[in-house]
């Protein structure tokens, strides 16, 4: 973590609103991308980001120099996101949405529908992967560096590239499975 982030956290801990706002503006983007990649709903992702920054505001972490605030924030967002996905209410909402789309009740032009369908296929392929592989892909495509991903997932920074390559191969296999009878 940069010295500036450490100072901003300390200032935020003392109740300085401006310091918290600077942290919010600096890290909103990566945290939102991780949350959106997990829940694929703008509203839910915004809720997760709000909860994540509320955690930062109410109980700032005691991070040591060299650790990443972005990693801490993304880990909080992932944890809160998985909790949200486990709730029965959100599961029912997702099933109702799929039912409406299957019934042909789609908003907007055909291209919008096709994009939504493709996003659903991507989410399904991610859901078919082991949790660590889906986390790797979400974090990387949210723009996090290998070192930050390593810190979040508690793996060696040197192994992130190999793990990402495996995760990408698994994603491709889940996204485009071989047709039956093809060897």
N, C-alpha and C. Protein backbone atom coordinates (compact mmCIF):
# COMPACT_ATOMS: atom_id res chain seq x y z
N UNK A 1 0.85 -1.17 0.00
CA UNK A 1 0.00 0.00 0.00
C UNK A 1 0.90 1.23 0.00
N UNK A 2 0.45 2.23 -0.69
CA UNK A 2 1.25 3.45 -0.75
C UNK A 2 1.21 4.17 0.59
N UNK A 3 2.24 4.95 0.81
CA UNK A 3 2.31 5.74 2.05
C UNK A 3 1.13 6.69 2.12
N UNK A 4 0.71 7.19 0.96
CA UNK A 4 -0.44 8.09 0.93
C UNK A 4 -1.72 7.39 1.39
N UNK A 5 -1.90 6.13 0.98
CA UNK A 5 -3.07 5.39 1.42
C UNK A 5 -3.05 5.18 2.93
N UNK A 6 -1.87 4.85 3.46
CA UNK A 6 -1.76 4.66 4.91
C UNK A 6 -2.15 5.94 5.65
N UNK A 7 -1.68 7.06 5.14
CA UNK A 7 -2.00 8.35 5.77
C UNK A 7 -3.49 8.65 5.65
N UNK A 8 -4.07 8.35 4.48
CA UNK A 8 -5.50 8.60 4.29
C UNK A 8 -6.34 7.72 5.22
N UNK A 9 -5.93 6.49 5.39
CA UNK A 9 -6.66 5.60 6.31
C UNK A 9 -6.58 6.13 7.73
N UNK A 10 -5.41 6.56 8.13
CA UNK A 10 -5.27 7.12 9.48
C UNK A 10 -6.11 8.38 9.66
N UNK A 11 -6.12 9.22 8.64
CA UNK A 11 -6.94 10.43 8.72
C UNK A 11 -8.42 10.08 8.76
N UNK A 12 -8.82 9.08 7.97
CA UNK A 12 -10.22 8.64 7.98
C UNK A 12 -10.57 8.04 9.34
N UNK A 13 -9.64 7.32 9.93
CA UNK A 13 -9.85 6.74 11.25
C UNK A 13 -10.12 7.83 12.29
N UNK A 14 -9.50 8.99 12.09
CA UNK A 14 -9.70 10.13 13.00
C UNK A 14 -10.98 10.90 12.66
N UNK A 15 -11.70 10.45 11.64
CA UNK A 15 -12.97 11.07 11.31
C UNK A 15 -12.91 12.14 10.24
N UNK A 16 -11.80 12.26 9.52
CA UNK A 16 -11.68 13.28 8.47
C UNK A 16 -12.42 12.80 7.22
N UNK A 17 -13.53 13.43 6.93
CA UNK A 17 -14.38 13.05 5.81
C UNK A 17 -13.65 13.15 4.47
N UNK A 18 -12.83 14.17 4.32
CA UNK A 18 -12.11 14.37 3.05
C UNK A 18 -11.18 13.19 2.74
N UNK A 19 -10.54 12.64 3.76
CA UNK A 19 -9.65 11.50 3.56
C UNK A 19 -10.44 10.29 3.07
N UNK A 20 -11.58 10.05 3.69
CA UNK A 20 -12.42 8.93 3.27
C UNK A 20 -12.90 9.14 1.84
N UNK A 21 -13.30 10.34 1.49
CA UNK A 21 -13.75 10.63 0.13
C UNK A 21 -12.64 10.36 -0.88
N UNK A 22 -11.40 10.71 -0.55
CA UNK A 22 -10.29 10.44 -1.46
C UNK A 22 -10.10 8.94 -1.67
N UNK A 23 -10.20 8.17 -0.59
CA UNK A 23 -10.09 6.72 -0.71
C UNK A 23 -11.24 6.17 -1.56
N UNK A 24 -12.42 6.67 -1.32
CA UNK A 24 -13.60 6.22 -2.07
C UNK A 24 -13.40 6.47 -3.56
N UNK A 25 -12.99 7.68 -3.90
CA UNK A 25 -12.81 8.02 -5.32
C UNK A 25 -11.68 7.21 -5.95
N UNK A 26 -10.65 6.92 -5.20
CA UNK A 26 -9.51 6.18 -5.74
C UNK A 26 -9.84 4.71 -5.99
N UNK A 27 -10.69 4.11 -5.17
CA UNK A 27 -10.91 2.67 -5.24
C UNK A 27 -12.30 2.25 -5.66
N UNK A 28 -13.17 3.19 -5.90
CA UNK A 28 -14.54 2.84 -6.30
C UNK A 28 -14.54 1.96 -7.54
N UNK A 29 -13.80 2.34 -8.58
CA UNK A 29 -13.81 1.62 -9.86
C UNK A 29 -13.46 0.15 -9.73
N UNK A 30 -12.30 -0.18 -9.18
CA UNK A 30 -11.94 -1.60 -9.08
C UNK A 30 -12.91 -2.40 -8.21
N UNK A 31 -13.39 -1.81 -7.13
CA UNK A 31 -14.31 -2.53 -6.25
C UNK A 31 -15.64 -2.75 -6.97
N UNK A 32 -16.11 -1.76 -7.69
CA UNK A 32 -17.36 -1.91 -8.45
C UNK A 32 -17.22 -3.00 -9.51
N UNK A 33 -16.10 -3.02 -10.23
CA UNK A 33 -15.91 -4.02 -11.28
C UNK A 33 -15.92 -5.44 -10.70
N UNK A 34 -15.30 -5.63 -9.55
CA UNK A 34 -15.31 -6.94 -8.91
C UNK A 34 -16.73 -7.30 -8.50
N UNK A 35 -17.42 -6.37 -7.87
CA UNK A 35 -18.79 -6.64 -7.42
C UNK A 35 -19.71 -6.93 -8.61
N UNK A 36 -19.60 -6.12 -9.65
CA UNK A 36 -20.46 -6.32 -10.82
C UNK A 36 -20.13 -7.65 -11.51
N UNK A 37 -18.86 -7.99 -11.57
CA UNK A 37 -18.47 -9.26 -12.17
C UNK A 37 -19.05 -10.44 -11.42
N UNK A 38 -19.27 -10.28 -10.15
CA UNK A 38 -19.81 -11.36 -9.34
C UNK A 38 -21.33 -11.43 -9.43
N UNK A 39 -22.01 -10.31 -9.28
CA UNK A 39 -23.46 -10.33 -9.20
C UNK A 39 -24.16 -9.95 -10.50
N UNK A 40 -23.45 -9.31 -11.43
CA UNK A 40 -23.96 -8.96 -12.76
C UNK A 40 -25.24 -8.14 -12.71
N UNK A 41 -25.37 -7.34 -11.70
CA UNK A 41 -26.51 -6.43 -11.59
C UNK A 41 -25.97 -5.10 -11.08
N UNK A 42 -26.27 -4.05 -11.82
CA UNK A 42 -25.76 -2.73 -11.43
C UNK A 42 -26.21 -2.37 -10.03
N UNK A 43 -27.49 -2.59 -9.74
CA UNK A 43 -28.02 -2.22 -8.43
C UNK A 43 -27.36 -3.01 -7.31
N UNK A 44 -27.25 -4.34 -7.49
CA UNK A 44 -26.63 -5.16 -6.46
C UNK A 44 -25.16 -4.82 -6.30
N UNK A 45 -24.48 -4.56 -7.42
CA UNK A 45 -23.06 -4.21 -7.34
C UNK A 45 -22.89 -2.89 -6.58
N UNK A 46 -23.75 -1.92 -6.85
CA UNK A 46 -23.67 -0.65 -6.13
C UNK A 46 -23.93 -0.84 -4.64
N UNK A 47 -24.87 -1.73 -4.30
CA UNK A 47 -25.12 -2.04 -2.89
C UNK A 47 -23.89 -2.65 -2.23
N UNK A 48 -23.25 -3.58 -2.94
CA UNK A 48 -22.05 -4.23 -2.40
C UNK A 48 -20.92 -3.23 -2.20
N UNK A 49 -20.77 -2.33 -3.16
CA UNK A 49 -19.72 -1.30 -3.04
C UNK A 49 -20.02 -0.41 -1.85
N UNK A 50 -21.28 -0.03 -1.69
CA UNK A 50 -21.65 0.81 -0.56
C UNK A 50 -21.35 0.08 0.76
N UNK A 51 -21.69 -1.20 0.86
CA UNK A 51 -21.42 -1.97 2.07
C UNK A 51 -19.91 -2.09 2.31
N UNK A 52 -19.15 -2.26 1.24
CA UNK A 52 -17.70 -2.39 1.36
C UNK A 52 -17.09 -1.11 1.89
N UNK A 53 -17.50 0.02 1.34
CA UNK A 53 -16.93 1.29 1.80
C UNK A 53 -17.47 1.68 3.18
N UNK A 54 -18.65 1.20 3.51
CA UNK A 54 -19.15 1.40 4.87
C UNK A 54 -18.26 0.65 5.86
N UNK A 55 -17.83 -0.56 5.47
CA UNK A 55 -16.90 -1.31 6.33
C UNK A 55 -15.58 -0.55 6.49
N UNK A 56 -15.10 0.03 5.40
CA UNK A 56 -13.87 0.83 5.47
C UNK A 56 -14.07 2.04 6.38
N UNK A 57 -15.21 2.69 6.25
CA UNK A 57 -15.49 3.89 7.03
C UNK A 57 -15.65 3.58 8.52
N UNK A 58 -16.42 2.53 8.81
CA UNK A 58 -16.72 2.24 10.21
C UNK A 58 -15.59 1.53 10.94
N UNK A 59 -14.80 0.76 10.22
CA UNK A 59 -13.71 0.03 10.87
C UNK A 59 -12.54 -0.13 9.89
N UNK A 60 -11.79 0.95 9.66
CA UNK A 60 -10.68 0.87 8.70
C UNK A 60 -9.70 -0.24 9.09
N UNK A 61 -9.17 -0.95 8.11
CA UNK A 61 -8.26 -2.07 8.41
C UNK A 61 -6.93 -1.58 8.96
N UNK A 62 -6.28 -2.43 9.70
CA UNK A 62 -4.92 -2.18 10.19
C UNK A 62 -3.97 -2.85 9.20
N UNK A 63 -3.69 -2.18 8.09
CA UNK A 63 -2.83 -2.76 7.06
C UNK A 63 -1.39 -2.34 7.30
N UNK A 64 -0.51 -3.24 6.99
CA UNK A 64 0.92 -2.94 7.14
C UNK A 64 1.45 -2.39 5.81
N UNK A 65 2.55 -1.66 5.85
CA UNK A 65 3.14 -1.17 4.60
C UNK A 65 3.44 -2.35 3.67
N UNK A 66 3.14 -2.15 2.42
CA UNK A 66 3.37 -3.21 1.44
C UNK A 66 2.11 -4.00 1.12
N UNK A 67 1.09 -3.94 1.99
CA UNK A 67 -0.16 -4.62 1.66
C UNK A 67 -1.04 -3.65 0.87
N UNK A 68 -2.06 -4.18 0.27
CA UNK A 68 -2.86 -3.40 -0.67
C UNK A 68 -4.26 -3.12 -0.13
N UNK A 69 -4.61 -1.85 -0.10
CA UNK A 69 -5.97 -1.49 0.29
C UNK A 69 -6.95 -1.98 -0.76
N UNK A 70 -6.57 -1.93 -2.03
CA UNK A 70 -7.45 -2.43 -3.09
C UNK A 70 -7.75 -3.91 -2.86
N UNK A 71 -6.74 -4.67 -2.48
CA UNK A 71 -6.95 -6.09 -2.22
C UNK A 71 -7.92 -6.29 -1.06
N UNK A 72 -7.75 -5.52 0.02
CA UNK A 72 -8.64 -5.64 1.17
C UNK A 72 -10.07 -5.30 0.77
N UNK A 73 -10.24 -4.20 0.04
CA UNK A 73 -11.57 -3.78 -0.37
C UNK A 73 -12.23 -4.81 -1.29
N UNK A 74 -11.46 -5.35 -2.22
CA UNK A 74 -12.02 -6.34 -3.15
C UNK A 74 -12.38 -7.63 -2.41
N UNK A 75 -11.59 -8.01 -1.43
CA UNK A 75 -11.90 -9.20 -0.64
C UNK A 75 -13.21 -8.99 0.14
N UNK A 76 -13.37 -7.81 0.72
CA UNK A 76 -14.62 -7.50 1.43
C UNK A 76 -15.79 -7.56 0.45
N UNK A 77 -15.62 -6.97 -0.73
CA UNK A 77 -16.70 -6.97 -1.73
C UNK A 77 -17.04 -8.40 -2.16
N UNK A 78 -16.02 -9.23 -2.37
CA UNK A 78 -16.27 -10.62 -2.74
C UNK A 78 -17.02 -11.36 -1.64
N UNK A 79 -16.58 -11.20 -0.41
CA UNK A 79 -17.24 -11.88 0.70
C UNK A 79 -18.71 -11.45 0.81
N UNK A 80 -18.94 -10.16 0.73
CA UNK A 80 -20.31 -9.66 0.82
C UNK A 80 -21.12 -10.10 -0.40
N UNK A 81 -20.48 -10.15 -1.54
CA UNK A 81 -21.18 -10.60 -2.74
C UNK A 81 -21.60 -12.06 -2.66
N UNK A 82 -20.72 -12.90 -2.17
CA UNK A 82 -21.10 -14.30 -2.03
C UNK A 82 -22.19 -14.49 -0.99
N UNK A 83 -22.16 -13.70 0.06
CA UNK A 83 -23.25 -13.76 1.03
C UNK A 83 -24.57 -13.37 0.37
N UNK A 84 -24.52 -12.34 -0.45
CA UNK A 84 -25.74 -11.89 -1.13
C UNK A 84 -26.25 -12.96 -2.09
N UNK A 85 -25.34 -13.60 -2.81
CA UNK A 85 -25.76 -14.62 -3.76
C UNK A 85 -26.35 -15.84 -3.08
N UNK A 86 -25.97 -16.06 -1.84
CA UNK A 86 -26.49 -17.21 -1.11
C UNK A 86 -27.91 -16.98 -0.60
N UNK A 87 -28.32 -15.76 -0.56
CA UNK A 87 -29.65 -15.49 -0.01
C UNK A 87 -30.74 -16.01 -0.95
N UNK A 88 -31.77 -16.57 -0.38
CA UNK A 88 -32.85 -17.15 -1.17
C UNK A 88 -33.60 -16.09 -1.97
N UNK A 89 -33.74 -14.89 -1.41
CA UNK A 89 -34.47 -13.84 -2.11
C UNK A 89 -33.83 -13.51 -3.43
N UNK A 90 -32.52 -13.34 -3.45
CA UNK A 90 -31.85 -12.99 -4.70
C UNK A 90 -31.89 -14.15 -5.68
N UNK A 91 -31.82 -15.36 -5.17
CA UNK A 91 -31.92 -16.52 -6.05
C UNK A 91 -33.27 -16.54 -6.75
N UNK A 92 -34.34 -16.27 -5.99
CA UNK A 92 -35.68 -16.24 -6.60
C UNK A 92 -35.78 -15.13 -7.65
N UNK A 93 -35.20 -13.97 -7.36
CA UNK A 93 -35.24 -12.86 -8.32
C UNK A 93 -34.55 -13.25 -9.62
N UNK A 94 -33.41 -13.94 -9.51
CA UNK A 94 -32.68 -14.36 -10.70
C UNK A 94 -33.52 -15.37 -11.51
N UNK A 95 -34.16 -16.31 -10.84
CA UNK A 95 -34.97 -17.29 -11.54
C UNK A 95 -36.16 -16.62 -12.23
N UNK A 96 -36.77 -15.63 -11.58
CA UNK A 96 -37.88 -14.91 -12.19
C UNK A 96 -37.41 -14.15 -13.43
N UNK A 97 -36.24 -13.55 -13.36
CA UNK A 97 -35.70 -12.82 -14.51
C UNK A 97 -35.45 -13.76 -15.68
N UNK A 98 -34.85 -14.90 -15.41
CA UNK A 98 -34.59 -15.87 -16.47
C UNK A 98 -35.91 -16.33 -17.08
N UNK A 99 -36.91 -16.57 -16.24
CA UNK A 99 -38.22 -16.99 -16.74
C UNK A 99 -38.83 -15.95 -17.65
N UNK A 100 -38.73 -14.68 -17.28
CA UNK A 100 -39.27 -13.61 -18.13
C UNK A 100 -38.54 -13.55 -19.47
N UNK A 101 -37.22 -13.69 -19.44
CA UNK A 101 -36.46 -13.65 -20.69
C UNK A 101 -36.80 -14.85 -21.57
N UNK A 102 -36.94 -16.02 -20.96
CA UNK A 102 -37.29 -17.21 -21.73
C UNK A 102 -38.69 -17.09 -22.34
N UNK A 103 -39.56 -16.36 -21.70
CA UNK A 103 -40.92 -16.17 -22.21
C UNK A 103 -40.96 -15.13 -23.32
N UNK A 104 -39.82 -14.56 -23.66
CA UNK A 104 -39.76 -13.59 -24.75
C UNK A 104 -40.13 -12.18 -24.33
N UNK A 105 -40.14 -11.90 -23.04
CA UNK A 105 -40.47 -10.56 -22.57
C UNK A 105 -39.16 -9.82 -22.34
N UNK A 106 -38.55 -9.36 -23.43
CA UNK A 106 -37.27 -8.68 -23.32
C UNK A 106 -37.45 -7.20 -23.64
N UNK A 107 -36.77 -6.36 -22.89
CA UNK A 107 -36.80 -4.92 -23.14
C UNK A 107 -35.75 -4.57 -24.18
N UNK A 108 -36.01 -3.58 -24.97
CA UNK A 108 -35.00 -3.06 -25.88
C UNK A 108 -34.89 -3.87 -27.16
N UNK A 109 -33.96 -3.47 -28.02
CA UNK A 109 -33.79 -4.13 -29.31
C UNK A 109 -33.15 -5.52 -29.17
N UNK A 110 -33.16 -6.23 -30.26
CA UNK A 110 -32.65 -7.60 -30.28
C UNK A 110 -31.20 -7.68 -29.83
N UNK A 111 -30.39 -6.71 -30.19
CA UNK A 111 -28.99 -6.71 -29.79
C UNK A 111 -28.82 -6.66 -28.28
N UNK A 112 -29.66 -5.88 -27.62
CA UNK A 112 -29.62 -5.80 -26.15
C UNK A 112 -29.95 -7.16 -25.55
N UNK A 113 -30.94 -7.82 -26.11
CA UNK A 113 -31.32 -9.14 -25.63
C UNK A 113 -30.18 -10.14 -25.81
N UNK A 114 -29.56 -10.10 -26.98
CA UNK A 114 -28.46 -11.03 -27.24
C UNK A 114 -27.28 -10.79 -26.29
N UNK A 115 -27.00 -9.52 -25.99
CA UNK A 115 -25.93 -9.22 -25.03
C UNK A 115 -26.28 -9.76 -23.64
N UNK A 116 -27.52 -9.58 -23.24
CA UNK A 116 -27.95 -10.09 -21.93
C UNK A 116 -27.85 -11.61 -21.89
N UNK A 117 -28.22 -12.24 -22.98
CA UNK A 117 -28.12 -13.71 -23.05
C UNK A 117 -26.66 -14.15 -22.96
N UNK A 118 -25.79 -13.46 -23.64
CA UNK A 118 -24.35 -13.78 -23.60
C UNK A 118 -23.80 -13.58 -22.18
N UNK A 119 -24.22 -12.50 -21.51
CA UNK A 119 -23.78 -12.28 -20.13
C UNK A 119 -24.24 -13.42 -19.23
N UNK A 120 -25.43 -13.90 -19.46
CA UNK A 120 -25.93 -15.04 -18.69
C UNK A 120 -25.08 -16.28 -18.91
N UNK A 121 -24.66 -16.48 -20.16
CA UNK A 121 -23.80 -17.62 -20.47
C UNK A 121 -22.44 -17.48 -19.79
N UNK A 122 -21.91 -16.27 -19.75
CA UNK A 122 -20.64 -16.03 -19.08
C UNK A 122 -20.78 -16.30 -17.59
N UNK A 123 -21.86 -15.79 -16.97
CA UNK A 123 -22.08 -16.03 -15.54
C UNK A 123 -22.22 -17.52 -15.24
N UNK A 124 -22.93 -18.23 -16.12
CA UNK A 124 -23.11 -19.67 -15.92
C UNK A 124 -21.77 -20.40 -16.02
N UNK A 125 -20.94 -20.00 -16.97
CA UNK A 125 -19.62 -20.62 -17.11
C UNK A 125 -18.76 -20.32 -15.89
N UNK A 126 -18.81 -19.09 -15.38
CA UNK A 126 -18.06 -18.74 -14.16
C UNK A 126 -18.56 -19.55 -12.97
N UNK A 127 -19.88 -19.73 -12.88
CA UNK A 127 -20.46 -20.47 -11.76
C UNK A 127 -20.06 -21.95 -11.82
N UNK A 128 -19.77 -22.44 -13.02
CA UNK A 128 -19.38 -23.86 -13.15
C UNK A 128 -17.93 -24.10 -12.73
N UNK A 129 -17.15 -23.05 -12.62
CA UNK A 129 -15.74 -23.18 -12.24
C UNK A 129 -15.60 -23.33 -10.74
N UNK A 130 -14.50 -23.91 -10.29
CA UNK A 130 -14.20 -23.88 -8.85
C UNK A 130 -14.11 -22.41 -8.40
N UNK A 131 -14.45 -22.16 -7.15
CA UNK A 131 -14.54 -20.80 -6.63
C UNK A 131 -13.24 -20.01 -6.86
N UNK A 132 -12.10 -20.62 -6.60
CA UNK A 132 -10.83 -19.88 -6.75
C UNK A 132 -10.61 -19.46 -8.19
N UNK A 133 -10.96 -20.33 -9.15
CA UNK A 133 -10.77 -19.97 -10.55
C UNK A 133 -11.69 -18.82 -10.96
N UNK A 134 -12.94 -18.84 -10.50
CA UNK A 134 -13.82 -17.73 -10.85
C UNK A 134 -13.35 -16.44 -10.19
N UNK A 135 -12.83 -16.53 -8.96
CA UNK A 135 -12.28 -15.34 -8.30
C UNK A 135 -11.10 -14.80 -9.09
N UNK A 136 -10.20 -15.67 -9.51
CA UNK A 136 -9.04 -15.24 -10.29
C UNK A 136 -9.47 -14.44 -11.51
N UNK A 137 -10.41 -14.98 -12.26
CA UNK A 137 -10.85 -14.31 -13.48
C UNK A 137 -11.55 -12.99 -13.19
N UNK A 138 -12.42 -12.98 -12.19
CA UNK A 138 -13.13 -11.74 -11.85
C UNK A 138 -12.15 -10.65 -11.42
N UNK A 139 -11.19 -11.01 -10.59
CA UNK A 139 -10.24 -10.03 -10.09
C UNK A 139 -9.33 -9.51 -11.20
N UNK A 140 -8.85 -10.41 -12.05
CA UNK A 140 -7.95 -9.99 -13.12
C UNK A 140 -8.66 -9.07 -14.11
N UNK A 141 -9.89 -9.45 -14.50
CA UNK A 141 -10.60 -8.64 -15.48
C UNK A 141 -11.24 -7.40 -14.87
N UNK A 142 -11.15 -7.29 -13.55
CA UNK A 142 -11.54 -6.04 -12.89
C UNK A 142 -10.37 -5.07 -12.88
N UNK A 143 -9.20 -5.54 -13.35
CA UNK A 143 -8.05 -4.66 -13.48
C UNK A 143 -7.04 -4.74 -12.36
N UNK A 144 -7.17 -5.72 -11.47
CA UNK A 144 -6.21 -5.84 -10.38
C UNK A 144 -4.90 -6.45 -10.88
N UNK A 145 -3.82 -6.04 -10.25
CA UNK A 145 -2.49 -6.56 -10.58
C UNK A 145 -2.32 -7.94 -9.97
N UNK A 146 -1.36 -8.69 -10.48
CA UNK A 146 -1.09 -10.03 -9.98
C UNK A 146 -0.81 -10.01 -8.47
N UNK A 147 -0.06 -9.03 -8.01
CA UNK A 147 0.28 -8.97 -6.58
C UNK A 147 -0.98 -8.78 -5.73
N UNK A 148 -1.90 -7.95 -6.21
CA UNK A 148 -3.14 -7.74 -5.47
C UNK A 148 -4.00 -9.01 -5.47
N UNK A 149 -4.05 -9.68 -6.61
CA UNK A 149 -4.80 -10.93 -6.69
C UNK A 149 -4.21 -11.96 -5.73
N UNK A 150 -2.89 -12.04 -5.71
CA UNK A 150 -2.21 -12.99 -4.82
C UNK A 150 -2.57 -12.71 -3.37
N UNK A 151 -2.59 -11.44 -2.99
CA UNK A 151 -2.91 -11.09 -1.61
C UNK A 151 -4.35 -11.43 -1.27
N UNK A 152 -5.27 -11.15 -2.17
CA UNK A 152 -6.69 -11.42 -1.92
C UNK A 152 -6.93 -12.91 -1.76
N UNK A 153 -6.33 -13.70 -2.64
CA UNK A 153 -6.61 -15.14 -2.67
C UNK A 153 -5.62 -15.96 -1.84
N UNK A 154 -4.69 -15.28 -1.19
CA UNK A 154 -3.70 -15.95 -0.34
C UNK A 154 -2.91 -17.01 -1.12
N UNK A 155 -2.38 -16.61 -2.27
CA UNK A 155 -1.52 -17.47 -3.06
C UNK A 155 -0.21 -16.73 -3.34
N UNK A 156 0.78 -17.45 -3.79
CA UNK A 156 2.07 -16.85 -4.12
C UNK A 156 1.92 -15.96 -5.35
N UNK A 157 2.50 -14.75 -5.31
CA UNK A 157 2.41 -13.88 -6.49
C UNK A 157 2.96 -14.54 -7.75
N UNK A 158 3.97 -15.37 -7.60
CA UNK A 158 4.55 -16.03 -8.76
C UNK A 158 3.64 -17.08 -9.38
N UNK A 159 2.64 -17.53 -8.67
CA UNK A 159 1.76 -18.58 -9.20
C UNK A 159 0.51 -18.01 -9.85
N UNK A 160 0.28 -16.71 -9.74
CA UNK A 160 -0.96 -16.13 -10.26
C UNK A 160 -1.08 -16.34 -11.77
N UNK A 161 -0.01 -16.15 -12.51
CA UNK A 161 -0.06 -16.31 -13.97
C UNK A 161 -0.46 -17.71 -14.37
N UNK A 162 0.14 -18.70 -13.73
CA UNK A 162 -0.19 -20.10 -14.03
C UNK A 162 -1.62 -20.40 -13.65
N UNK A 163 -2.03 -19.95 -12.48
CA UNK A 163 -3.41 -20.18 -12.03
C UNK A 163 -4.42 -19.50 -12.95
N UNK A 164 -4.09 -18.30 -13.42
CA UNK A 164 -4.98 -17.61 -14.35
C UNK A 164 -5.08 -18.35 -15.68
N UNK A 165 -3.96 -18.86 -16.17
CA UNK A 165 -3.99 -19.62 -17.44
C UNK A 165 -4.89 -20.84 -17.30
N UNK A 166 -4.78 -21.55 -16.19
CA UNK A 166 -5.65 -22.72 -15.95
C UNK A 166 -7.11 -22.29 -15.85
N UNK A 167 -7.34 -21.20 -15.15
CA UNK A 167 -8.71 -20.71 -14.99
C UNK A 167 -9.31 -20.31 -16.34
N UNK A 168 -8.50 -19.67 -17.18
CA UNK A 168 -8.99 -19.28 -18.51
C UNK A 168 -9.32 -20.50 -19.36
N UNK A 169 -8.46 -21.54 -19.30
CA UNK A 169 -8.75 -22.77 -20.05
C UNK A 169 -10.03 -23.43 -19.54
N UNK A 170 -10.20 -23.46 -18.22
CA UNK A 170 -11.41 -24.05 -17.64
C UNK A 170 -12.64 -23.24 -18.03
N UNK A 171 -12.50 -21.91 -18.07
CA UNK A 171 -13.62 -21.07 -18.47
C UNK A 171 -14.02 -21.35 -19.91
N UNK A 172 -13.04 -21.42 -20.79
CA UNK A 172 -13.33 -21.69 -22.21
C UNK A 172 -14.04 -23.03 -22.35
N UNK A 173 -13.57 -24.04 -21.62
CA UNK A 173 -14.21 -25.37 -21.67
C UNK A 173 -15.63 -25.31 -21.13
N UNK A 174 -15.87 -24.54 -20.09
CA UNK A 174 -17.22 -24.42 -19.52
C UNK A 174 -18.14 -23.59 -20.41
N UNK A 175 -17.55 -22.59 -21.06
CA UNK A 175 -18.33 -21.68 -21.90
C UNK A 175 -18.70 -22.32 -23.22
N UNK A 176 -17.77 -23.06 -23.79
CA UNK A 176 -17.99 -23.71 -25.09
C UNK A 176 -17.66 -25.19 -24.97
N UNK A 177 -18.52 -25.97 -24.31
CA UNK A 177 -18.22 -27.39 -24.15
C UNK A 177 -18.17 -28.10 -25.50
N UNK A 178 -17.38 -29.18 -25.56
CA UNK A 178 -17.29 -29.96 -26.79
C UNK A 178 -18.64 -30.57 -27.11
N UNK A 179 -19.01 -30.59 -28.38
CA UNK A 179 -20.27 -31.24 -28.75
C UNK A 179 -20.23 -32.73 -28.43
N UNK A 180 -21.37 -33.31 -28.16
CA UNK A 180 -21.44 -34.74 -27.82
C UNK A 180 -20.89 -35.56 -28.97
N UNK A 181 -20.12 -36.57 -28.63
CA UNK A 181 -19.55 -37.47 -29.63
C UNK A 181 -18.25 -37.00 -30.23
N UNK A 182 -17.74 -35.82 -29.88
CA UNK A 182 -16.48 -35.31 -30.41
C UNK A 182 -15.40 -35.63 -29.40
N UNK A 183 -14.32 -36.24 -29.89
CA UNK A 183 -13.24 -36.60 -28.98
C UNK A 183 -12.04 -35.73 -29.17
